[in-house]
C-alpha atoms as a PDB file:
ATOM      1  CA  MET A   1      85.509 202.515 165.305  1.00  0.00           C
ATOM      2  CA  ASP A   2      83.818 204.792 162.530  1.00  0.00           C
ATOM      3  CA  SER A   3      82.231 203.598 159.316  1.00  0.00           C
ATOM      4  CA  ASN A   4      85.203 204.648 157.092  1.00  0.00           C
ATOM      5  CA  THR A   5      87.621 202.594 159.403  1.00  0.00           C
ATOM      6  CA  PHE A   6      85.471 199.504 159.275  1.00  0.00           C
ATOM      7  CA  THR A   7      85.200 199.652 155.332  1.00  0.00           C
ATOM      8  CA  LEU A   8      88.988 200.251 155.008  1.00  0.00           C
ATOM      9  CA  ILE A   9      89.745 197.218 157.165  1.00  0.00           C
ATOM     10  CA  THR A  10      87.453 195.066 155.296  1.00  0.00           C
ATOM     11  CA  THR A  11      88.691 196.133 152.056  1.00  0.00           C
ATOM     12  CA  VAL A  12      92.353 195.341 153.188  1.00  0.00           C
ATOM     13  CA  ALA A  13      91.275 191.932 154.623  1.00  0.00           C
ATOM     14  CA  LYS A  14      89.549 191.153 151.473  1.00  0.00           C
ATOM     15  CA  MET A  15      92.703 192.187 149.283  1.00  0.00           C
ATOM     16  CA  ILE A  16      94.944 190.196 151.724  1.00  0.00           C
ATOM     17  CA  PHE A  17      92.660 187.023 151.438  1.00  0.00           C
ATOM     18  CA  PHE A  18      91.408 187.161 147.948  1.00  0.00           C
ATOM     19  CA  VAL A  19      94.093 188.803 145.650  1.00  0.00           C
ATOM     20  CA  PRO A  20      96.872 185.992 146.122  1.00  0.00           C
ATOM     21  CA  ILE A  21      94.101 183.423 145.721  1.00  0.00           C
ATOM     22  CA  GLY A  22      92.760 185.010 142.506  1.00  0.00           C
ATOM     23  CA  ILE A  23      96.339 185.128 141.001  1.00  0.00           C
ATOM     24  CA  VAL A  24      96.881 181.603 141.303  1.00  0.00           C
ATOM     25  CA  LEU A  25      93.299 180.719 139.672  1.00  0.00           C
ATOM     26  CA  ILE A  26      94.239 183.097 137.097  1.00  0.00           C
ATOM     27  CA  ILE A  27      97.536 181.308 136.257  1.00  0.00           C
ATOM     28  CA  ASN A  28      95.480 177.880 136.483  1.00  0.00           C
ATOM     29  CA  ILE A  29      92.820 179.268 134.011  1.00  0.00           C
ATOM     30  CA  ILE A  30      95.671 180.279 131.402  1.00  0.00           C
ATOM     31  CA  ASN A  31      98.161 177.362 131.784  1.00  0.00           C
ATOM     32  CA  PRO A  32      97.118 174.658 134.432  1.00  0.00           C
ATOM     33  CA  ARG A  33     100.241 172.583 133.627  1.00  0.00           C
ATOM     34  CA  ILE A  34     102.455 175.149 135.400  1.00  0.00           C
ATOM     35  CA  LEU A  35     100.903 174.714 138.708  1.00  0.00           C
ATOM     36  CA  TRP A  36     100.716 170.833 138.171  1.00  0.00           C
ATOM     37  CA  GLU A  37     104.603 170.829 137.326  1.00  0.00           C
ATOM     38  CA  LYS A  38     105.457 172.817 140.431  1.00  0.00           C
ATOM     39  CA  PHE A  39     103.212 171.257 142.855  1.00  0.00           C
ATOM     40  CA  GLU A  40     101.957 167.797 141.577  1.00  0.00           C
ATOM     41  CA  SER A  41     104.509 166.482 139.225  1.00  0.00           C
ATOM     42  CA  TRP A  42     106.565 164.746 141.706  1.00  0.00           C
ATOM     43  CA  LYS A  43     103.738 162.388 142.373  1.00  0.00           C
ATOM     44  CA  ALA A  44     102.928 161.133 139.078  1.00  0.00           C
ATOM     45  CA  ALA A  45     104.658 158.544 136.726  1.00  0.00           C
ATOM     46  CA  SER A  46     103.581 160.351 133.754  1.00  0.00           C
ATOM     47  CA  GLU A  47     101.644 163.449 132.925  1.00  0.00           C
ATOM     48  CA  PRO A  48      97.989 163.439 133.091  1.00  0.00           C
ATOM     49  CA  SER A  49      95.335 163.444 130.471  1.00  0.00           C
ATOM     50  CA  PRO A  50      94.009 166.816 128.674  1.00  0.00           C
ATOM     51  CA  ALA A  51      90.652 166.182 130.710  1.00  0.00           C
ATOM     52  CA  PHE A  52      92.329 166.645 133.975  1.00  0.00           C
ATOM     53  CA  PHE A  53      93.782 169.938 133.020  1.00  0.00           C
ATOM     54  CA  ARG A  54      90.232 170.715 131.683  1.00  0.00           C
ATOM     55  CA  VAL A  55      88.466 170.092 134.722  1.00  0.00           C
ATOM     56  CA  ARG A  56      91.114 172.013 136.828  1.00  0.00           C
ATOM     57  CA  ARG A  57      90.567 175.200 134.454  1.00  0.00           C
ATOM     58  CA  ILE A  58      86.878 175.126 134.614  1.00  0.00           C
ATOM     59  CA  SER A  59      86.839 174.531 138.453  1.00  0.00           C
ATOM     60  CA  SER A  60      89.525 177.595 138.738  1.00  0.00           C
ATOM     61  CA  LEU A  61      87.142 179.866 136.519  1.00  0.00           C
ATOM     62  CA  VAL A  62      84.043 178.630 138.947  1.00  0.00           C
ATOM     63  CA  ILE A  63      86.087 179.480 142.002  1.00  0.00           C
ATOM     64  CA  LEU A  64      87.304 182.918 140.595  1.00  0.00           C
ATOM     65  CA  ALA A  65      83.694 183.964 139.761  1.00  0.00           C
ATOM     66  CA  ILE A  66      82.869 183.200 143.203  1.00  0.00           C
ATOM     67  CA  ILE A  67      85.698 185.098 144.842  1.00  0.00           C
ATOM     68  CA  LEU A  68      84.993 188.220 142.426  1.00  0.00           C
ATOM     69  CA  TYR A  69      81.384 188.092 143.206  1.00  0.00           C
ATOM     70  CA  LEU A  70      82.343 187.980 147.101  1.00  0.00           C
ATOM     71  CA  PHE A  71      85.191 190.754 146.565  1.00  0.00           C
ATOM     72  CA  PHE A  72      82.912 193.186 144.835  1.00  0.00           C
ATOM     73  CA  SER A  73      79.472 192.486 146.394  1.00  0.00           C
ATOM     74  CA  GLY A  74      80.387 194.221 149.544  1.00  0.00           C
ATOM     75  CA  THR A  75      79.868 191.550 151.985  1.00  0.00           C
ATOM     76  CA  ILE A  76      81.915 188.548 153.265  1.00  0.00           C
ATOM     77  CA  PRO A  77      79.859 186.102 155.463  1.00  0.00           C
ATOM     78  CA  PHE A  78      82.573 185.970 158.141  1.00  0.00           C
ATOM     79  CA  LEU A  79      82.976 189.795 158.183  1.00  0.00           C
ATOM     80  CA  ARG A  80      79.399 190.337 158.381  1.00  0.00           C
ATOM     81  CA  ASN A  81      78.742 190.493 162.044  1.00  0.00           C
ATOM     82  CA  PHE A  82      82.146 191.990 162.807  1.00  0.00           C
ATOM     83  CA  PRO A  83      81.662 194.601 165.759  1.00  0.00           C
ATOM     84  CA  GLN A  84      81.829 198.298 164.521  1.00  0.00           C
END
């Protein structure tokens, strides 16, 4: 496998893995209430406190920053030793 093919495969793998997660994280940063209503509201008797949504926003921002770093750094730990 030549270098260009390997680069294409890793880029596609990164996009398949990171793009959907990134979209969910961006939604959670903009309005965490949407995902809470969609996935967790059935478990709660009432809406959680504003601090809950603040923590979700901050954690989503941190995770998104890590994902963007991994996406644009050119290396992903589990693909680093991929045979070429």
